[in-house]
Amino acid sequence: MDHRGILDLLRLHWLSVLFVTMIGGGLGYGYTVLATPEYTAETELFVAVSTSENTGELAQGSNYSQQQARNYSAVATREIVLQPVINSLNLDTTVEALKKRVSTSVPLNTSLISITVRDTSAERGAATANAIATSLSNSVQKLIPKLPDNTYPLQLKTVQSAAVPSVPSSPNTMLAVALGLLGGLVAAFAIVAVREYINAKVRTAEQIKAATGASLLGSIVYDRSASSAPMALRANKLSPRAEEFRQLRTNLRFLQADTDHKVFLLTSSIPGEGKSATAANLAATIAASGASVCLVEADLRRPSLGGILDLEGGVGFTTLLAGEAELDDVLQPWGTDGLRVLLSGEIPPNPSELLGSSRAEEILLAIRERFDVTIIDSPPVIPVTDATILARLFGGAILIVGAKKVEMRELRKAVDRMTVVDAPILGTVLNLAPTSVMGRYRLKYTSNPAQTIPARSARRDASPLLVSPAPSPIPLGAGSSDLHRPTPEKPRVEAR
């Protein structure tokens, strides 16, 4: 994952990252509140060497004292020094326990020994540090022999006694909170990364491209009003969502370019990605361009086009499969652009067998020859095999991908199932996409058309610009001989 992917991940989950980071900071602060404060007392000793006034001996004595300072700093934490301290102060501890609270150091190129003691009591810590300095001085006299004049070659002299500290040295509140925030941030990113790896939701076109390898034909923005008004052209022909379907219609011109009668099979990975609503809106948008269009509901398990288009679904595809009616008997008109709709009809007990039958193939091929464009709404790929049967028949399918609905592993699984049956994915559509995918300028241009139309034009109710978008000069899928051919009107006959 590159830095851009990391930033996108943090941007998408910023609330979770902030929450976990603040928890980390809170835990750091809680530690400072609950932890027992410790105080640090420090004393310093100087190693003095008895030498003559000779310059050479002074230099040698200085080197000797520095070497002995390093040696005696190690002796300061040994039993010979610490046990007398415990005895003199009546400390309720052992040499090993006291050793853990004592540290020594020798500054570079000096003869100073720094002794530091940590204790939960400030007074006891200072007293212990001073007692260790005294005990170390006494121990040195036991460890080195006297000179002939009954003096010692070196002495340890206290240059700074330990004072009683007034402020605890630990815990450090600012440091604990900072470390808590940093730990929370790392934990938050780890949680988000693992969650994305296991249950990553598809959100961007780049993710779709990586999973499918197919071109993105269009993005349909999320609209809260779509649940109550699913048909974009009927609800608001100038809305951003309606414009996205027009763009999708334009991009579909490059699919099956050498075929006069086009068939576009729409499917999805799982239910709930907006497949049926996309099929209905796409069919209506293509019909508005002047082409003859038939929308076929091949989802014989959970049909929904009847509710989306507000049509009666008593008869339909299954009626034709049962041989109880002719095609003209069950085709229903919708809108004013000549769109014809073949609903699923009654739900059968064996949908897969029916769709894979020669009768179903015969019906769909007849519809293809009759209309310029056929849009087939098929079931999702993962739950059932119906879509793969139809996709193989018509040379592939268009995969509808619902943003924040389908997981990456589910999308890859759908692609694998299509690949197994040798049914390519002709293109993808990102549905329920965030408004940001439109771009700032395009959103501003399309989101409030009422303010961009002059008042005198708005009063012309019959103006084509206000009634419907300008029709395409060449109907989708029409050949040169079809440019001036009117859309055929099929008489509707009630099912007998």
Protein backbone atom coordinates (compact mmCIF):
# COMPACT_ATOMS: atom_id res chain seq x y z
CA MET A 1 0.00 0.00 0.00
CA ASP A 2 1.50 3.35 -1.04
CA HIS A 3 1.21 6.64 0.82
CA ARG A 4 -1.85 7.63 -1.19
CA GLY A 5 -3.63 4.44 -0.20
CA ILE A 6 -2.77 5.08 3.44
CA LEU A 7 -4.12 8.63 3.25
CA ASP A 8 -7.32 7.41 1.56
CA LEU A 9 -7.71 4.80 4.27
CA LEU A 10 -7.32 7.39 7.03
CA ARG A 11 -9.69 9.76 5.26
CA LEU A 12 -12.39 7.13 4.93
CA HIS A 13 -12.06 5.99 8.54
CA TRP A 14 -11.00 9.26 10.17
CA LEU A 15 -13.70 9.04 12.83
CA SER A 16 -12.61 5.57 13.94
CA VAL A 17 -8.96 6.60 13.84
CA LEU A 18 -9.69 9.69 15.93
CA PHE A 19 -11.72 7.67 18.43
CA VAL A 20 -9.06 4.99 18.95
CA THR A 21 -6.30 7.62 19.11
CA MET A 22 -8.15 9.53 21.81
CA ILE A 23 -8.63 6.29 23.74
CA GLY A 24 -4.86 5.79 23.60
CA GLY A 25 -4.28 9.30 24.94
CA GLY A 26 -6.85 8.68 27.67
CA LEU A 27 -5.13 5.47 28.68
CA GLY A 28 -1.82 7.31 28.85
CA TYR A 29 -3.32 9.96 31.10
CA GLY A 30 -5.05 7.31 33.21
CA TYR A 31 -1.72 5.62 33.75
CA THR A 32 -0.26 8.84 35.19
CA VAL A 33 -3.22 9.17 37.54
CA LEU A 34 -3.10 5.58 38.81
CA ALA A 35 0.68 5.11 38.85
CA THR A 36 2.58 5.66 42.11
CA PRO A 37 4.81 8.74 41.77
CA GLU A 38 8.56 8.23 42.04
CA TYR A 39 11.18 10.77 43.09
CA THR A 40 14.78 10.91 41.94
CA ALA A 41 17.63 12.06 44.20
CA GLU A 42 21.18 12.48 42.92
CA THR A 43 24.57 12.93 44.58
CA GLU A 44 28.04 13.34 43.05
CA LEU A 45 31.48 12.19 44.23
CA PHE A 46 34.88 13.29 43.02
CA VAL A 47 37.80 10.84 42.84
CA ALA A 48 40.85 12.69 44.10
CA VAL A 49 44.36 11.21 43.64
CA SER A 50 47.27 12.07 45.92
CA THR A 51 50.18 13.14 43.63
CA SER A 52 53.22 15.38 43.78
CA GLU A 53 53.57 18.66 42.00
CA ASN A 54 55.45 17.06 39.11
CA THR A 55 53.62 17.75 35.84
CA GLY A 56 54.03 14.22 34.54
CA GLU A 57 52.70 12.72 37.72
CA LEU A 58 49.74 15.11 37.67
CA ALA A 59 48.81 13.93 34.17
CA GLN A 60 49.16 10.31 35.18
CA GLY A 61 47.09 10.95 38.30
CA SER A 62 44.31 12.52 36.25
CA ASN A 63 44.10 9.48 33.96
CA TYR A 64 44.28 7.20 36.95
CA SER A 65 41.40 8.98 38.74
CA GLN A 66 39.19 8.79 35.64
CA GLN A 67 39.85 5.08 35.35
CA GLN A 68 39.14 4.52 39.04
CA ALA A 69 35.93 6.59 38.79
CA ARG A 70 34.60 4.09 36.27
CA ASN A 71 35.62 1.20 38.51
CA TYR A 72 34.08 2.58 41.68
CA SER A 73 30.86 3.55 39.91
CA ALA A 74 30.35 -0.18 39.37
CA VAL A 75 31.24 -0.92 43.00
CA ALA A 76 28.49 1.51 44.15
CA THR A 77 25.78 -1.02 43.28
CA ARG A 78 27.45 -3.98 44.95
CA GLU A 79 26.64 -5.59 48.28
CA ILE A 80 29.76 -4.14 49.97
CA VAL A 81 28.23 -0.69 49.55
CA LEU A 82 24.47 -1.29 49.68
CA GLN A 83 24.26 -3.58 52.71
CA PRO A 84 25.71 -0.96 55.11
CA VAL A 85 23.17 1.54 53.69
CA ILE A 86 20.28 -0.83 54.45
CA ASN A 87 21.58 -1.37 57.95
CA SER A 88 22.19 2.31 58.72
CA LEU A 89 18.79 3.51 57.43
CA ASN A 90 16.85 0.44 58.60
CA LEU A 91 15.41 -0.01 55.09
CA ASP A 92 12.81 -2.75 54.65
CA THR A 93 14.37 -4.09 51.46
CA THR A 94 17.09 -6.38 50.12
CA VAL A 95 20.32 -5.66 48.32
CA GLU A 96 18.85 -6.89 45.00
CA ALA A 97 15.73 -4.76 45.37
CA LEU A 98 17.74 -1.67 46.29
CA LYS A 99 20.14 -2.30 43.41
CA LYS A 100 17.24 -1.99 40.93
CA ARG A 101 16.53 1.53 42.21
CA VAL A 102 20.15 2.71 42.08
CA SER A 103 22.01 3.80 38.95
CA THR A 104 25.48 5.27 38.51
CA SER A 105 27.25 7.10 35.71
CA VAL A 106 30.59 8.76 34.98
CA PRO A 107 30.50 11.82 32.69
CA LEU A 108 32.95 11.54 29.79
CA ASN A 109 36.56 12.54 30.56
CA THR A 110 35.78 13.36 34.20
CA SER A 111 36.57 11.88 37.61
CA LEU A 112 33.03 12.38 38.86
CA ILE A 113 30.71 9.59 39.96
CA SER A 114 26.98 10.39 39.78
CA ILE A 115 24.73 8.24 41.99
CA THR A 116 20.97 8.36 41.35
CA VAL A 117 18.31 6.77 43.56
CA ARG A 118 14.62 6.37 42.68
CA ASP A 119 12.12 6.03 45.50
CA THR A 120 8.44 6.54 46.16
CA SER A 121 9.45 8.72 49.13
CA ALA A 122 11.38 11.89 48.35
CA GLU A 123 13.01 12.05 51.81
CA ARG A 124 14.01 8.39 51.80
CA GLY A 125 15.42 8.69 48.29
CA ALA A 126 17.66 11.62 49.23
CA ALA A 127 18.83 9.91 52.42
CA THR A 128 19.59 6.70 50.52
CA ALA A 129 21.64 8.53 47.87
CA ASN A 130 23.75 10.31 50.53
CA ALA A 131 24.18 7.07 52.48
CA ILE A 132 25.41 5.27 49.35
CA ALA A 133 27.97 8.04 48.74
CA THR A 134 29.26 7.69 52.30
CA SER A 135 29.31 3.89 52.14
CA LEU A 136 31.17 3.97 48.81
CA SER A 137 33.84 6.28 50.26
CA ASN A 138 34.32 3.95 53.22
CA SER A 139 34.41 0.87 50.98
CA VAL A 140 37.15 2.37 48.81
CA GLN A 141 39.42 2.69 51.82
CA LYS A 142 38.90 -1.02 52.46
CA LEU A 143 39.66 -1.98 48.88
CA ILE A 144 42.92 -0.08 48.29
CA PRO A 145 46.16 -0.40 50.27
CA LYS A 146 47.72 2.48 52.19
CA LEU A 147 50.83 4.28 51.13
CA PRO A 148 54.05 4.07 53.22
CA ASP A 149 53.13 7.38 54.91
CA ASN A 150 49.88 5.79 56.12
CA THR A 151 47.75 7.73 53.60
CA TYR A 152 45.56 6.53 50.71
CA PRO A 153 46.53 7.09 47.06
CA LEU A 154 43.01 8.37 46.32
CA GLN A 155 39.89 9.57 48.10
CA LEU A 156 36.23 10.00 47.23
CA LYS A 157 34.91 13.39 48.19
CA THR A 158 31.29 14.50 48.02
CA VAL A 159 30.93 17.52 45.73
CA GLN A 160 27.11 17.61 45.74
CA SER A 161 24.83 16.04 48.31
CA ALA A 162 21.39 14.78 47.34
CA ALA A 163 18.60 17.23 48.07
CA VAL A 164 15.02 16.21 48.79
CA PRO A 165 13.19 16.46 45.39
CA SER A 166 9.98 18.49 45.42
CA VAL A 167 8.56 17.22 42.10
CA PRO A 168 8.16 13.56 41.13
CA SER A 169 10.28 12.43 38.22
CA SER A 170 7.73 9.89 37.07
CA PRO A 171 5.23 9.40 35.74
CA ASN A 172 5.66 12.18 33.16
CA THR A 173 2.12 13.22 32.28
CA MET A 174 2.92 14.90 28.96
CA LEU A 175 5.15 12.05 27.83
CA ALA A 176 2.61 9.41 28.85
CA VAL A 177 -0.22 11.19 27.01
CA ALA A 178 1.95 11.70 23.92
CA LEU A 179 2.96 8.04 23.88
CA GLY A 180 -0.66 7.05 24.44
CA LEU A 181 -1.79 9.15 21.47
CA LEU A 182 0.96 7.71 19.29
CA GLY A 183 0.13 4.17 20.36
CA GLY A 184 -3.56 4.81 19.77
CA LEU A 185 -2.83 6.13 16.28
CA VAL A 186 -0.75 3.08 15.41
CA ALA A 187 -3.40 0.75 16.85
CA ALA A 188 -6.16 2.58 14.97
CA PHE A 189 -4.37 2.26 11.67
CA ALA A 190 -3.62 -1.41 12.35
CA ILE A 191 -7.30 -2.06 13.12
CA VAL A 192 -8.42 -0.22 9.99
CA ALA A 193 -5.83 -1.99 7.84
CA VAL A 194 -6.83 -5.44 9.13
CA ARG A 195 -10.50 -4.60 8.75
CA GLU A 196 -9.94 -3.40 5.18
CA TYR A 197 -7.93 -6.51 4.37
CA ILE A 198 -10.57 -8.87 5.76
CA ASN A 199 -13.81 -7.05 5.01
CA ALA A 200 -12.81 -4.25 2.64
CA LYS A 201 -15.78 -2.45 1.11
CA VAL A 202 -15.52 -1.27 -2.47
CA ARG A 203 -15.59 2.53 -2.57
CA THR A 204 -13.57 3.74 -5.53
CA ALA A 205 -13.21 3.11 -9.25
CA GLU A 206 -9.57 2.15 -8.69
CA GLN A 207 -10.64 -0.75 -6.47
CA ILE A 208 -13.11 -1.96 -9.11
CA LYS A 209 -10.46 -1.77 -11.83
CA ALA A 210 -8.00 -3.71 -9.68
CA ALA A 211 -10.52 -6.47 -8.90
CA THR A 212 -12.16 -6.86 -12.32
CA GLY A 213 -9.70 -5.56 -14.87
CA ALA A 214 -12.67 -4.14 -16.79
CA SER A 215 -13.28 -0.53 -17.79
CA LEU A 216 -15.53 1.68 -15.71
CA LEU A 217 -18.47 2.68 -17.89
CA GLY A 218 -19.93 5.18 -15.45
CA SER A 219 -20.61 6.21 -11.88
CA ILE A 220 -24.12 6.75 -10.52
CA VAL A 221 -24.14 9.13 -7.58
CA TYR A 222 -25.97 8.30 -4.39
CA ASP A 223 -29.28 10.12 -4.03
CA ARG A 224 -31.35 9.89 -0.86
CA SER A 225 -34.53 10.49 -2.81
CA ALA A 226 -33.89 7.47 -5.07
CA SER A 227 -35.67 5.12 -2.69
CA SER A 228 -38.94 7.04 -3.08
CA ALA A 229 -38.35 8.13 -6.70
CA PRO A 230 -36.13 5.48 -8.31
CA MET A 231 -36.57 6.68 -11.90
CA ALA A 232 -34.19 9.61 -12.34
CA LEU A 233 -35.67 10.94 -15.61
CA ARG A 234 -39.16 11.03 -14.17
CA ALA A 235 -38.15 12.58 -10.82
CA ASN A 236 -35.81 15.30 -12.14
CA LYS A 237 -34.40 15.21 -15.65
CA LEU A 238 -31.72 17.76 -14.79
CA SER A 239 -30.48 16.09 -11.61
CA PRO A 240 -26.87 14.88 -11.29
CA ARG A 241 -28.14 11.31 -11.10
CA ALA A 242 -30.03 11.65 -14.39
CA GLU A 243 -26.93 13.13 -16.00
CA GLU A 244 -24.89 10.16 -14.86
CA PHE A 245 -27.27 7.78 -16.66
CA ARG A 246 -26.91 9.85 -19.83
CA GLN A 247 -23.14 9.56 -19.52
CA LEU A 248 -23.49 5.80 -19.05
CA ARG A 249 -25.68 5.65 -22.15
CA THR A 250 -22.99 7.49 -24.12
CA ASN A 251 -20.25 5.14 -22.97
CA LEU A 252 -22.33 2.08 -23.90
CA ARG A 253 -22.08 3.12 -27.56
CA PHE A 254 -18.55 1.69 -27.60
CA LEU A 255 -19.73 -1.77 -26.53
CA GLN A 256 -20.87 -4.15 -29.27
CA ALA A 257 -20.10 -1.42 -31.80
CA ASP A 258 -20.39 -3.83 -34.75
CA THR A 259 -23.86 -5.10 -33.73
CA ASP A 260 -27.12 -3.51 -34.90
CA HIS A 261 -29.18 -5.11 -32.15
CA LYS A 262 -27.41 -4.75 -28.84
CA VAL A 263 -28.02 -6.76 -25.68
CA PHE A 264 -26.71 -5.55 -22.34
CA LEU A 265 -26.97 -7.97 -19.47
CA LEU A 266 -26.75 -6.27 -16.06
CA THR A 267 -25.81 -8.18 -12.93
CA SER A 268 -24.09 -7.64 -9.60
CA SER A 269 -22.08 -9.62 -7.08
CA ILE A 270 -24.64 -9.66 -4.26
CA PRO A 271 -28.18 -8.36 -3.72
CA GLY A 272 -28.66 -4.74 -2.70
CA GLU A 273 -26.23 -3.05 -5.09
CA GLY A 274 -28.95 -1.27 -7.09
CA LYS A 275 -28.79 -3.52 -10.13
CA SER A 276 -32.50 -3.42 -11.03
CA ALA A 277 -32.86 0.35 -10.55
CA THR A 278 -29.79 0.88 -12.73
CA ALA A 279 -31.21 -1.38 -15.45
CA ALA A 280 -34.56 0.46 -15.40
CA ASN A 281 -32.98 3.93 -15.54
CA LEU A 282 -30.53 2.91 -18.24
CA ALA A 283 -33.33 1.48 -20.39
CA ALA A 284 -35.41 4.64 -19.98
CA THR A 285 -32.43 6.86 -20.80
CA ILE A 286 -31.60 4.93 -23.98
CA ALA A 287 -35.26 4.99 -25.01
CA ALA A 288 -35.24 8.78 -24.57
CA SER A 289 -32.51 8.98 -27.23
CA GLY A 290 -34.84 7.56 -29.86
CA ALA A 291 -33.86 3.89 -29.93
CA SER A 292 -36.38 1.10 -29.54
CA VAL A 293 -35.64 -0.52 -26.17
CA CYS A 294 -36.93 -3.56 -24.33
CA LEU A 295 -36.24 -4.03 -20.64
CA VAL A 296 -36.35 -7.71 -19.68
CA GLU A 297 -36.60 -8.83 -16.07
CA ALA A 298 -34.72 -12.12 -15.95
CA ASP A 299 -34.49 -12.11 -12.16
CA LEU A 300 -37.05 -14.84 -11.57
CA ARG A 301 -36.25 -15.16 -7.85
CA ARG A 302 -36.60 -11.67 -6.40
CA PRO A 303 -38.18 -9.49 -9.10
CA SER A 304 -38.37 -5.77 -8.33
CA LEU A 305 -38.83 -3.94 -11.64
CA GLY A 306 -42.62 -3.92 -11.22
CA GLY A 307 -42.31 -1.84 -8.08
CA ILE A 308 -39.65 0.45 -9.57
CA LEU A 309 -41.67 1.15 -12.73
CA ASP A 310 -45.07 0.93 -11.08
CA LEU A 311 -46.24 -1.83 -13.44
CA GLU A 312 -48.41 -4.88 -12.89
CA GLY A 313 -46.30 -8.05 -12.68
CA GLY A 314 -48.92 -10.78 -12.93
CA VAL A 315 -47.73 -11.91 -16.36
CA GLY A 316 -44.32 -11.77 -17.96
CA PHE A 317 -41.30 -13.87 -18.79
CA THR A 318 -42.49 -17.00 -17.01
CA THR A 319 -45.82 -16.70 -18.83
CA LEU A 320 -43.94 -16.87 -22.14
CA LEU A 321 -41.84 -19.78 -20.91
CA ALA A 322 -45.00 -21.67 -20.01
CA GLY A 323 -46.42 -21.00 -23.50
CA GLU A 324 -49.50 -19.28 -22.11
CA ALA A 325 -49.15 -16.03 -24.07
CA GLU A 326 -47.38 -14.37 -26.97
CA LEU A 327 -44.69 -11.71 -26.62
CA ASP A 328 -47.03 -8.86 -27.53
CA ASP A 329 -49.43 -10.02 -24.85
CA VAL A 330 -46.97 -9.49 -22.00
CA LEU A 331 -44.91 -6.50 -23.14
CA GLN A 332 -45.90 -3.39 -21.18
CA PRO A 333 -45.21 0.18 -22.28
CA TRP A 334 -43.60 2.66 -19.91
CA GLY A 335 -43.19 6.38 -20.35
CA THR A 336 -43.58 8.40 -23.53
CA ASP A 337 -40.44 7.24 -25.34
CA GLY A 338 -41.63 3.80 -26.46
CA LEU A 339 -39.87 1.75 -23.79
CA ARG A 340 -41.26 -1.78 -23.55
CA VAL A 341 -40.92 -3.84 -20.39
CA LEU A 342 -41.08 -7.61 -19.97
CA LEU A 343 -41.50 -8.33 -16.26
CA SER A 344 -40.67 -11.68 -14.71
CA GLY A 345 -44.22 -12.85 -14.10
CA GLU A 346 -44.99 -15.41 -11.44
CA ILE A 347 -42.00 -16.75 -9.50
CA PRO A 348 -41.25 -20.34 -10.66
CA PRO A 349 -39.83 -23.16 -8.53
CA ASN A 350 -36.93 -23.79 -10.96
CA PRO A 351 -35.54 -20.44 -12.24
CA SER A 352 -32.11 -21.74 -13.30
CA GLU A 353 -33.57 -24.56 -15.39
CA LEU A 354 -36.00 -22.19 -17.07
CA LEU A 355 -33.36 -19.61 -17.95
CA GLY A 356 -31.07 -22.32 -19.29
CA SER A 357 -33.78 -23.86 -21.47
CA SER A 358 -33.93 -23.54 -25.23
CA ARG A 359 -37.30 -21.81 -24.88
CA ALA A 360 -35.76 -18.98 -22.86
CA GLU A 361 -32.97 -18.61 -25.40
CA GLU A 362 -35.52 -18.50 -28.21
CA ILE A 363 -37.54 -15.76 -26.48
CA LEU A 364 -34.50 -13.60 -25.69
CA LEU A 365 -33.11 -13.92 -29.22
CA ALA A 366 -36.50 -12.93 -30.64
CA ILE A 367 -36.54 -9.84 -28.41
CA ARG A 368 -33.02 -8.95 -29.52
CA GLU A 369 -33.97 -9.08 -33.18
CA ARG A 370 -37.07 -6.96 -32.60
CA PHE A 371 -35.50 -4.08 -30.64
CA ASP A 372 -32.44 -1.91 -31.18
CA VAL A 373 -31.35 -2.35 -27.57
CA THR A 374 -32.29 -5.01 -25.03
CA ILE A 375 -31.49 -4.48 -21.34
CA ILE A 376 -31.65 -7.66 -19.25
CA ASP A 377 -31.88 -7.43 -15.48
CA SER A 378 -30.43 -10.68 -14.17
CA PRO A 379 -29.89 -12.03 -10.61
CA PRO A 380 -26.65 -11.48 -8.68
CA VAL A 381 -23.73 -13.74 -9.56
CA ILE A 382 -22.71 -15.10 -6.15
CA PRO A 383 -26.04 -16.40 -4.73
CA VAL A 384 -27.23 -18.18 -7.91
CA THR A 385 -25.97 -19.25 -11.33
CA ASP A 386 -28.74 -17.60 -13.40
CA ALA A 387 -26.64 -14.61 -14.45
CA THR A 388 -23.72 -16.71 -15.66
CA ILE A 389 -26.09 -18.74 -17.88
CA LEU A 390 -27.40 -15.61 -19.58
CA ALA A 391 -23.98 -13.90 -19.69
CA ARG A 392 -22.53 -16.81 -21.61
CA LEU A 393 -25.42 -16.66 -24.06
CA PHE A 394 -24.91 -12.97 -24.84
CA GLY A 395 -21.14 -12.79 -24.66
CA GLY A 396 -20.66 -11.18 -21.27
CA ALA A 397 -22.27 -8.87 -18.74
CA ILE A 398 -22.05 -5.42 -17.23
CA LEU A 399 -21.29 -5.65 -13.53
CA ILE A 400 -23.03 -3.18 -11.21
CA VAL A 401 -20.90 -2.47 -8.14
CA GLY A 402 -22.56 -0.83 -5.15
CA ALA A 403 -20.23 1.53 -3.29
CA LYS A 404 -19.94 0.56 0.39
CA LYS A 405 -22.26 -2.39 -0.28
CA VAL A 406 -20.05 -5.13 -1.67
CA GLU A 407 -16.74 -6.30 -0.24
CA MET A 408 -13.61 -6.71 -2.31
CA ARG A 409 -13.52 -10.45 -1.70
CA GLU A 410 -17.12 -10.74 -2.92
CA LEU A 411 -16.32 -8.73 -6.04
CA ARG A 412 -13.34 -10.96 -6.80
CA LYS A 413 -15.49 -14.04 -6.22
CA ALA A 414 -18.05 -12.77 -8.75
CA VAL A 415 -15.29 -12.15 -11.29
CA ASP A 416 -13.97 -15.68 -10.75
CA ARG A 417 -17.40 -17.18 -11.35
CA MET A 418 -17.79 -15.24 -14.58
CA THR A 419 -14.33 -16.32 -15.69
CA VAL A 420 -15.07 -20.00 -15.03
CA VAL A 421 -18.02 -20.02 -17.45
CA ASP A 422 -16.07 -17.99 -20.03
CA ALA A 423 -18.39 -14.98 -19.72
CA PRO A 424 -16.32 -11.77 -19.76
CA ILE A 425 -17.20 -8.64 -17.83
CA LEU A 426 -17.77 -6.07 -20.57
CA GLY A 427 -17.65 -3.14 -18.19
CA THR A 428 -18.51 -2.00 -14.70
CA VAL A 429 -20.72 0.68 -13.18
CA LEU A 430 -20.02 2.21 -9.78
CA ASN A 431 -23.45 2.65 -8.22
CA LEU A 432 -24.36 4.55 -5.04
CA ALA A 433 -21.13 6.49 -5.48
CA PRO A 434 -20.34 9.49 -3.26
CA THR A 435 -21.02 12.89 -4.79
CA SER A 436 -17.30 13.65 -4.80
CA VAL A 437 -16.74 11.38 -7.80
CA MET A 438 -18.54 13.91 -10.02
CA GLY A 439 -15.95 16.59 -9.49
CA ARG A 440 -16.42 20.00 -7.94
CA TYR A 441 -17.16 21.95 -11.11
CA ARG A 442 -19.53 19.43 -12.63
CA LEU A 443 -21.51 19.18 -9.39
CA LYS A 444 -21.82 22.97 -9.21
CA TYR A 445 -22.99 23.06 -12.82
CA THR A 446 -25.66 20.37 -12.51
CA SER A 447 -26.86 20.62 -8.91
CA ASN A 448 -28.99 23.78 -9.14
CA PRO A 449 -30.24 24.22 -12.70
CA ALA A 450 -33.11 26.48 -11.68
CA GLN A 451 -30.67 29.32 -10.97
CA THR A 452 -28.95 28.99 -14.33
CA ILE A 453 -32.09 29.21 -16.51
CA PRO A 454 -33.20 32.77 -17.36
CA ALA A 455 -36.65 33.72 -16.14
CA ARG A 456 -38.03 34.36 -19.63
CA SER A 457 -36.95 30.85 -20.69
CA ALA A 458 -38.51 29.33 -17.60
CA ARG A 459 -41.88 30.77 -18.58
CA ARG A 460 -41.84 28.87 -21.88
CA ASP A 461 -43.34 25.65 -20.53
CA ALA A 462 -43.20 24.02 -23.92
CA SER A 463 -39.44 24.54 -24.30
CA PRO A 464 -37.73 21.24 -25.14
CA LEU A 465 -34.86 22.11 -22.80
CA LEU A 466 -37.24 22.06 -19.86
CA VAL A 467 -39.33 19.12 -20.93
CA SER A 468 -36.59 16.61 -21.75
CA PRO A 469 -32.94 16.49 -22.71
CA ALA A 470 -32.08 16.93 -26.37
CA PRO A 471 -32.32 13.58 -28.15
CA SER A 472 -29.22 12.05 -29.63
CA PRO A 473 -29.08 12.50 -33.43
CA ILE A 474 -28.26 8.82 -33.88
CA PRO A 475 -30.24 6.28 -31.84
CA LEU A 476 -28.11 3.85 -29.87
CA GLY A 477 -27.59 0.78 -31.96
CA ALA A 478 -29.36 2.14 -35.05
CA GLY A 479 -27.79 1.63 -38.44
CA SER A 480 -27.73 4.18 -41.27
CA SER A 481 -31.02 2.90 -42.62
CA ASP A 482 -32.72 3.41 -39.26
CA LEU A 483 -32.00 7.12 -38.85
CA HIS A 484 -35.46 8.24 -39.92
CA ARG A 485 -37.38 5.19 -38.83
CA PRO A 486 -40.03 5.97 -36.19
CA THR A 487 -40.18 3.84 -33.08
CA PRO A 488 -42.67 1.03 -33.72
CA GLU A 489 -45.70 1.03 -31.45
CA LYS A 490 -46.77 -2.44 -30.38
CA PRO A 491 -50.42 -2.88 -29.48
CA ARG A 492 -50.90 -4.23 -25.99
CA VAL A 493 -53.15 -7.23 -25.68
CA GLU A 494 -54.31 -8.41 -22.28
CA ALA A 495 -53.14 -11.87 -21.31
CA ARG A 496 -55.75 -14.45 -21.90
